[in-house]
Amino acid sequence: MAWRSLLGHRMRAFLSMLGIIIGISSVVSSMAVGEGARQSIMNEIGKLGNTTLEIRPRHRLGQQASGYGAGAVAG
């Protein structure tokens, strides 16, 4: 019964299959690009060393900002 339906509506079956293939390919490609970017960023941070970079907030929530300069200090 399913084969009969697929053979009877070949164009619809082809377009459905094409849509599924394009959808899966785009999800896999997006995940690969995201993972590559994550690894690249982690490698760059790793080159700095584990005690080189200290990131501090400029001001805490509920407090006014003071004129202390940048929020990140390299050491």
PDB file of N, CA and C in Angstrom:
ATOM      1  N   MET A   1       0.819  -1.191   0.000  1.00  0.00           N
ATOM      2  CA  MET A   1       0.000   0.000   0.000  1.00  0.00           C
ATOM      3  C   MET A   1       0.868   1.262   0.000  1.00  0.00           C
ATOM      4  N   ALA A   2       1.907   1.278   0.838  1.00  0.00           N
ATOM      5  CA  ALA A   2       2.785   2.447   0.888  1.00  0.00           C
ATOM      6  C   ALA A   2       3.554   2.601  -0.416  1.00  0.00           C
ATOM      7  N   TRP A   3       4.026   1.460  -0.961  1.00  0.00           N
ATOM      8  CA  TRP A   3       4.754   1.532  -2.226  1.00  0.00           C
ATOM      9  C   TRP A   3       3.858   2.035  -3.353  1.00  0.00           C
ATOM     10  N   ARG A   4       2.634   1.620  -3.330  1.00  0.00           N
ATOM     11  CA  ARG A   4       1.692   2.053  -4.357  1.00  0.00           C
ATOM     12  C   ARG A   4       1.493   3.569  -4.278  1.00  0.00           C
ATOM     13  N   SER A   5       1.403   4.081  -3.054  1.00  0.00           N
ATOM     14  CA  SER A   5       1.222   5.519  -2.860  1.00  0.00           C
ATOM     15  C   SER A   5       2.462   6.289  -3.314  1.00  0.00           C
ATOM     16  N   LEU A   6       3.648   5.760  -2.970  1.00  0.00           N
ATOM     17  CA  LEU A   6       4.891   6.422  -3.391  1.00  0.00           C
ATOM     18  C   LEU A   6       5.039   6.423  -4.906  1.00  0.00           C
ATOM     19  N   LEU A   7       4.736   5.302  -5.520  1.00  0.00           N
ATOM     20  CA  LEU A   7       4.855   5.220  -6.973  1.00  0.00           C
ATOM     21  C   LEU A   7       3.794   6.057  -7.677  1.00  0.00           C
ATOM     22  N   GLY A   8       2.651   6.202  -7.061  1.00  0.00           N
ATOM     23  CA  GLY A   8       1.581   6.996  -7.659  1.00  0.00           C
ATOM     24  C   GLY A   8       1.827   8.494  -7.563  1.00  0.00           C
ATOM     25  N   HIS A   9       2.590   8.917  -6.563  1.00  0.00           N
ATOM     26  CA  HIS A   9       2.888  10.339  -6.361  1.00  0.00           C
ATOM     27  C   HIS A   9       4.402  10.531  -6.316  1.00  0.00           C
ATOM     28  N   ARG A  10       5.038  10.247  -7.425  1.00  0.00           N
ATOM     29  CA  ARG A  10       6.499  10.276  -7.471  1.00  0.00           C
ATOM     30  C   ARG A  10       7.067  11.657  -7.194  1.00  0.00           C
ATOM     31  N   MET A  11       6.472  12.683  -7.755  1.00  0.00           N
ATOM     32  CA  MET A  11       6.992  14.040  -7.564  1.00  0.00           C
ATOM     33  C   MET A  11       6.875  14.451  -6.097  1.00  0.00           C
ATOM     34  N   ARG A  12       5.753  14.164  -5.479  1.00  0.00           N
ATOM     35  CA  ARG A  12       5.567  14.511  -4.068  1.00  0.00           C
ATOM     36  C   ARG A  12       6.560  13.735  -3.196  1.00  0.00           C
ATOM     37  N   ALA A  13       6.759  12.452  -3.494  1.00  0.00           N
ATOM     38  CA  ALA A  13       7.709  11.636  -2.732  1.00  0.00           C
ATOM     39  C   ALA A  13       9.127  12.161  -2.909  1.00  0.00           C
ATOM     40  N   PHE A  14       9.475  12.533  -4.144  1.00  0.00           N
ATOM     41  CA  PHE A  14      10.812  13.068  -4.414  1.00  0.00           C
ATOM     42  C   PHE A  14      11.038  14.381  -3.674  1.00  0.00           C
ATOM     43  N   LEU A  15      10.062  15.278  -3.714  1.00  0.00           N
ATOM     44  CA  LEU A  15      10.216  16.568  -3.039  1.00  0.00           C
ATOM     45  C   LEU A  15      10.273  16.407  -1.523  1.00  0.00           C
ATOM     46  N   SER A  16       9.504  15.478  -0.994  1.00  0.00           N
ATOM     47  CA  SER A  16       9.559  15.209   0.449  1.00  0.00           C
ATOM     48  C   SER A  16      10.928  14.678   0.841  1.00  0.00           C
ATOM     49  N   MET A  17      11.443  13.748   0.055  1.00  0.00           N
ATOM     50  CA  MET A  17      12.755  13.182   0.327  1.00  0.00           C
ATOM     51  C   MET A  17      13.843  14.248   0.201  1.00  0.00           C
ATOM     52  N   LEU A  18      13.730  15.096  -0.788  1.00  0.00           N
ATOM     53  CA  LEU A  18      14.696  16.175  -0.978  1.00  0.00           C
ATOM     54  C   LEU A  18      14.664  17.147   0.198  1.00  0.00           C
ATOM     55  N   GLY A  19      13.483  17.478   0.677  1.00  0.00           N
ATOM     56  CA  GLY A  19      13.360  18.368   1.830  1.00  0.00           C
ATOM     57  C   GLY A  19      13.974  17.778   3.085  1.00  0.00           C
ATOM     58  N   ILE A  20      13.770  16.491   3.292  1.00  0.00           N
ATOM     59  CA  ILE A  20      14.354  15.824   4.460  1.00  0.00           C
ATOM     60  C   ILE A  20      15.872  15.811   4.354  1.00  0.00           C
ATOM     61  N   ILE A  21      16.395  15.515   3.183  1.00  0.00           N
ATOM     62  CA  ILE A  21      17.848  15.487   2.980  1.00  0.00           C
ATOM     63  C   ILE A  21      18.450  16.869   3.205  1.00  0.00           C
ATOM     64  N   ILE A  22      17.827  17.905   2.662  1.00  0.00           N
ATOM     65  CA  ILE A  22      18.334  19.268   2.843  1.00  0.00           C
ATOM     66  C   ILE A  22      18.265  19.669   4.313  1.00  0.00           C
ATOM     67  N   GLY A  23      17.191  19.334   4.990  1.00  0.00           N
ATOM     68  CA  GLY A  23      17.056  19.672   6.407  1.00  0.00           C
ATOM     69  C   GLY A  23      18.107  19.003   7.269  1.00  0.00           C
ATOM     70  N   ILE A  24      18.308  17.717   7.076  1.00  0.00           N
ATOM     71  CA  ILE A  24      19.316  16.993   7.857  1.00  0.00           C
ATOM     72  C   ILE A  24      20.710  17.528   7.548  1.00  0.00           C
ATOM     73  N   SER A  25      20.988  17.795   6.279  1.00  0.00           N
ATOM     74  CA  SER A  25      22.301  18.323   5.897  1.00  0.00           C
ATOM     75  C   SER A  25      22.568  19.678   6.521  1.00  0.00           C
ATOM     76  N   SER A  26      21.563  20.537   6.562  1.00  0.00           N
ATOM     77  CA  SER A  26      21.773  21.863   7.139  1.00  0.00           C
ATOM     78  C   SER A  26      21.996  21.788   8.645  1.00  0.00           C
ATOM     79  N   VAL A  27      21.307  20.895   9.332  1.00  0.00           N
ATOM     80  CA  VAL A  27      21.518  20.736  10.778  1.00  0.00           C
ATOM     81  C   VAL A  27      22.918  20.193  11.055  1.00  0.00           C
ATOM     82  N   VAL A  28      23.331  19.185  10.312  1.00  0.00           N
ATOM     83  CA  VAL A  28      24.663  18.606  10.505  1.00  0.00           C
ATOM     84  C   VAL A  28      25.740  19.636  10.191  1.00  0.00           C
ATOM     85  N   SER A  29      25.567  20.408   9.118  1.00  0.00           N
ATOM     86  CA  SER A  29      26.547  21.434   8.762  1.00  0.00           C
ATOM     87  C   SER A  29      26.632  22.514   9.829  1.00  0.00           C
ATOM     88  N   SER A  30      25.496  22.953  10.332  1.00  0.00           N
ATOM     89  CA  SER A  30      25.487  23.975  11.383  1.00  0.00           C
ATOM     90  C   SER A  30      26.187  23.478  12.639  1.00  0.00           C
ATOM     91  N   MET A  31      25.951  22.238  13.005  1.00  0.00           N
ATOM     92  CA  MET A  31      26.607  21.685  14.187  1.00  0.00           C
ATOM     93  C   MET A  31      28.112  21.565  13.973  1.00  0.00           C
ATOM     94  N   ALA A  32      28.535  21.196  12.774  1.00  0.00           N
ATOM     95  CA  ALA A  32      29.965  21.071  12.488  1.00  0.00           C
ATOM     96  C   ALA A  32      30.651  22.428  12.538  1.00  0.00           C
ATOM     97  N   VAL A  33      30.020  23.453  11.985  1.00  0.00           N
ATOM     98  CA  VAL A  33      30.590  24.800  12.024  1.00  0.00           C
ATOM     99  C   VAL A  33      30.674  25.294  13.464  1.00  0.00           C
ATOM    100  N   GLY A  34      29.639  25.074  14.246  1.00  0.00           N
ATOM    101  CA  GLY A  34      29.643  25.485  15.648  1.00  0.00           C
ATOM    102  C   GLY A  34      30.715  24.777  16.452  1.00  0.00           C
ATOM    103  N   GLU A  35      30.879  23.483  16.232  1.00  0.00           N
ATOM    104  CA  GLU A  35      31.911  22.722  16.949  1.00  0.00           C
ATOM    105  C   GLU A  35      33.307  23.176  16.533  1.00  0.00           C
ATOM    106  N   GLY A  36      33.500  23.457  15.254  1.00  0.00           N
ATOM    107  CA  GLY A  36      34.795  23.963  14.792  1.00  0.00           C
ATOM    108  C   GLY A  36      35.125  25.313  15.399  1.00  0.00           C
ATOM    109  N   ALA A  37      34.138  26.188  15.483  1.00  0.00           N
ATOM    110  CA  ALA A  37      34.354  27.500  16.099  1.00  0.00           C
ATOM    111  C   ALA A  37      34.665  27.353  17.580  1.00  0.00           C
ATOM    112  N   ARG A  38      33.966  26.447  18.261  1.00  0.00           N
ATOM    113  CA  ARG A  38      34.218  26.227  19.688  1.00  0.00           C
ATOM    114  C   ARG A  38      35.638  25.726  19.916  1.00  0.00           C
ATOM    115  N   GLN A  39      36.078  24.767  19.107  1.00  0.00           N
ATOM    116  CA  GLN A  39      37.429  24.233  19.253  1.00  0.00           C
ATOM    117  C   GLN A  39      38.477  25.299  18.963  1.00  0.00           C
ATOM    118  N   SER A  40      38.239  26.125  17.961  1.00  0.00           N
ATOM    119  CA  SER A  40      39.172  27.197  17.628  1.00  0.00           C
ATOM    120  C   SER A  40      39.299  28.191  18.774  1.00  0.00           C
ATOM    121  N   ILE A  41      38.183  28.571  19.354  1.00  0.00           N
ATOM    122  CA  ILE A  41      38.202  29.514  20.478  1.00  0.00           C
ATOM    123  C   ILE A  41      38.907  28.894  21.680  1.00  0.00           C
ATOM    124  N   MET A  42      38.622  27.630  21.966  1.00  0.00           N
ATOM    125  CA  MET A  42      39.273  26.966  23.093  1.00  0.00           C
ATOM    126  C   MET A  42      40.781  26.854  22.874  1.00  0.00           C
ATOM    127  N   ASN A  43      41.215  26.608  21.634  1.00  0.00           N
ATOM    128  CA  ASN A  43      42.651  26.563  21.339  1.00  0.00           C
ATOM    129  C   ASN A  43      43.298  27.919  21.560  1.00  0.00           C
ATOM    130  N   GLU A  44      42.636  28.979  21.126  1.00  0.00           N
ATOM    131  CA  GLU A  44      43.187  30.325  21.313  1.00  0.00           C
ATOM    132  C   GLU A  44      43.271  30.683  22.791  1.00  0.00           C
ATOM    133  N   ILE A  45      42.262  30.340  23.558  1.00  0.00           N
ATOM    134  CA  ILE A  45      42.290  30.606  24.997  1.00  0.00           C
ATOM    135  C   ILE A  45      43.366  29.751  25.661  1.00  0.00           C
ATOM    136  N   GLY A  46      43.522  28.512  25.202  1.00  0.00           N
ATOM    137  CA  GLY A  46      44.547  27.630  25.747  1.00  0.00           C
ATOM    138  C   GLY A  46      45.956  28.151  25.523  1.00  0.00           C
ATOM    139  N   LYS A  47      46.185  28.849  24.421  1.00  0.00           N
ATOM    140  CA  LYS A  47      47.499  29.429  24.137  1.00  0.00           C
ATOM    141  C   LYS A  47      47.856  30.526  25.129  1.00  0.00           C
ATOM    142  N   LEU A  48      46.848  31.166  25.702  1.00  0.00           N
ATOM    143  CA  LEU A  48      47.105  32.239  26.655  1.00  0.00           C
ATOM    144  C   LEU A  48      47.624  31.698  27.981  1.00  0.00           C
ATOM    145  N   GLY A  49      47.320  30.483  28.309  1.00  0.00           N
ATOM    146  CA  GLY A  49      47.690  29.914  29.600  1.00  0.00           C
ATOM    147  C   GLY A  49      46.510  29.988  30.542  1.00  0.00           C
ATOM    148  N   ASN A  50      46.604  29.251  31.643  1.00  0.00           N
ATOM    149  CA  ASN A  50      45.443  29.194  32.522  1.00  0.00           C
ATOM    150  C   ASN A  50      45.426  30.292  33.579  1.00  0.00           C
ATOM    151  N   THR A  51      46.488  31.085  33.735  1.00  0.00           N
ATOM    152  CA  THR A  51      46.491  32.161  34.735  1.00  0.00           C
ATOM    153  C   THR A  51      46.721  33.522  34.106  1.00  0.00           C
ATOM    154  N   THR A  52      46.596  33.636  32.812  1.00  0.00           N
ATOM    155  CA  THR A  52      46.927  34.876  32.128  1.00  0.00           C
ATOM    156  C   THR A  52      45.773  35.863  32.087  1.00  0.00           C
ATOM    157  N   LEU A  53      44.574  35.381  32.028  1.00  0.00           N
ATOM    158  CA  LEU A  53      43.427  36.246  31.784  1.00  0.00           C
ATOM    159  C   LEU A  53      42.470  36.211  32.967  1.00  0.00           C
ATOM    160  N   GLU A  54      42.149  37.398  33.469  1.00  0.00           N
ATOM    161  CA  GLU A  54      41.179  37.513  34.552  1.00  0.00           C
ATOM    162  C   GLU A  54      40.087  38.462  34.090  1.00  0.00           C
ATOM    163  N   ILE A  55      38.866  38.015  34.128  1.00  0.00           N
ATOM    164  CA  ILE A  55      37.738  38.832  33.679  1.00  0.00           C
ATOM    165  C   ILE A  55      36.905  39.188  34.896  1.00  0.00           C
ATOM    166  N   ARG A  56      36.715  40.494  35.107  1.00  0.00           N
ATOM    167  CA  ARG A  56      35.931  40.970  36.246  1.00  0.00           C
ATOM    168  C   ARG A  56      34.842  41.901  35.742  1.00  0.00           C
ATOM    169  N   PRO A  57      33.720  41.933  36.427  1.00  0.00           N
ATOM    170  CA  PRO A  57      32.663  42.872  36.022  1.00  0.00           C
ATOM    171  C   PRO A  57      33.074  44.300  36.342  1.00  0.00           C
ATOM    172  N   ARG A  58      32.594  45.226  35.551  1.00  0.00           N
ATOM    173  CA  ARG A  58      32.866  46.634  35.809  1.00  0.00           C
ATOM    174  C   ARG A  58      32.186  47.094  37.083  1.00  0.00           C
ATOM    175  N   HIS A  59      30.975  46.635  37.276  1.00  0.00           N
ATOM    176  CA  HIS A  59      30.229  46.945  38.494  1.00  0.00           C
ATOM    177  C   HIS A  59      29.246  45.815  38.760  1.00  0.00           C
ATOM    178  N   ARG A  60      28.881  45.672  39.987  1.00  0.00           N
ATOM    179  CA  ARG A  60      27.931  44.629  40.354  1.00  0.00           C
ATOM    180  C   ARG A  60      26.512  45.124  40.098  1.00  0.00           C
ATOM    181  N   LEU A  61      25.605  44.191  39.969  1.00  0.00           N
ATOM    182  CA  LEU A  61      24.208  44.559  39.769  1.00  0.00           C
ATOM    183  C   LEU A  61      23.721  45.374  40.960  1.00  0.00           C
ATOM    184  N   GLY A  62      23.047  46.443  40.699  1.00  0.00           N
ATOM    185  CA  GLY A  62      22.510  47.289  41.755  1.00  0.00           C
ATOM    186  C   GLY A  62      23.458  48.392  42.194  1.00  0.00           C
ATOM    187  N   GLN A  63      24.700  48.385  41.719  1.00  0.00           N
ATOM    188  CA  GLN A  63      25.656  49.434  42.059  1.00  0.00           C
ATOM    189  C   GLN A  63      25.904  50.289  40.834  1.00  0.00           C
ATOM    190  N   GLN A  64      26.281  51.527  41.079  1.00  0.00           N
ATOM    191  CA  GLN A  64      26.605  52.406  39.967  1.00  0.00           C
ATOM    192  C   GLN A  64      28.007  52.082  39.466  1.00  0.00           C
ATOM    193  N   ALA A  65      28.224  52.324  38.183  1.00  0.00           N
ATOM    194  CA  ALA A  65      29.535  52.066  37.598  1.00  0.00           C
ATOM    195  C   ALA A  65      30.531  53.100  38.083  1.00  0.00           C
ATOM    196  N   SER A  66      31.713  52.639  38.445  1.00  0.00           N
ATOM    197  CA  SER A  66      32.779  53.556  38.846  1.00  0.00           C
ATOM    198  C   SER A  66      33.793  53.640  37.717  1.00  0.00           C
ATOM    199  N   GLY A  67      34.667  54.595  37.752  1.00  0.00           N
ATOM    200  CA  GLY A  67      35.615  54.822  36.668  1.00  0.00           C
ATOM    201  C   GLY A  67      36.874  54.001  36.780  1.00  0.00           C
ATOM    202  N   TYR A  68      36.773  52.683  36.935  1.00  0.00           N
ATOM    203  CA  TYR A  68      37.954  51.842  37.093  1.00  0.00           C
ATOM    204  C   TYR A  68      38.552  51.367  35.779  1.00  0.00           C
ATOM    205  N   GLY A  69      38.001  51.690  34.655  1.00  0.00           N
ATOM    206  CA  GLY A  69      38.600  51.297  33.383  1.00  0.00           C
ATOM    207  C   GLY A  69      38.012  49.996  32.860  1.00  0.00           C
ATOM    208  N   ALA A  70      38.860  49.228  32.195  1.00  0.00           N
ATOM    209  CA  ALA A  70      38.406  48.028  31.492  1.00  0.00           C
ATOM    210  C   ALA A  70      37.974  46.941  32.462  1.00  0.00           C
ATOM    211  N   GLY A  71      37.105  46.073  31.974  1.00  0.00           N
ATOM    212  CA  GLY A  71      36.606  44.984  32.793  1.00  0.00           C
ATOM    213  C   GLY A  71      37.482  43.745  32.734  1.00  0.00           C
ATOM    214  N   ALA A  72      38.453  43.678  31.825  1.00  0.00           N
ATOM    215  CA  ALA A  72      39.349  42.533  31.721  1.00  0.00           C
ATOM    216  C   ALA A  72      40.772  43.010  31.954  1.00  0.00           C
ATOM    217  N   VAL A  73      41.522  42.268  32.758  1.00  0.00           N
ATOM    218  CA  VAL A  73      42.892  42.641  33.099  1.00  0.00           C
ATOM    219  C   VAL A  73      43.791  41.477  32.740  1.00  0.00           C
ATOM    220  N   ALA A  74      44.825  41.744  31.942  1.00  0.00           N
ATOM    221  CA  ALA A  74      45.796  40.702  31.605  1.00  0.00           C
ATOM    222  C   ALA A  74      46.906  40.731  32.634  1.00  0.00           C
ATOM    223  N   GLY A  75      47.361  39.576  33.055  1.00  0.00           N
ATOM    224  CA  GLY A  75      48.361  39.530  34.111  1.00  0.00           C
ATOM    225  C   GLY A  75      49.372  38.540  33.896  1.00  0.00           C
TER     226      GLY A  75
END
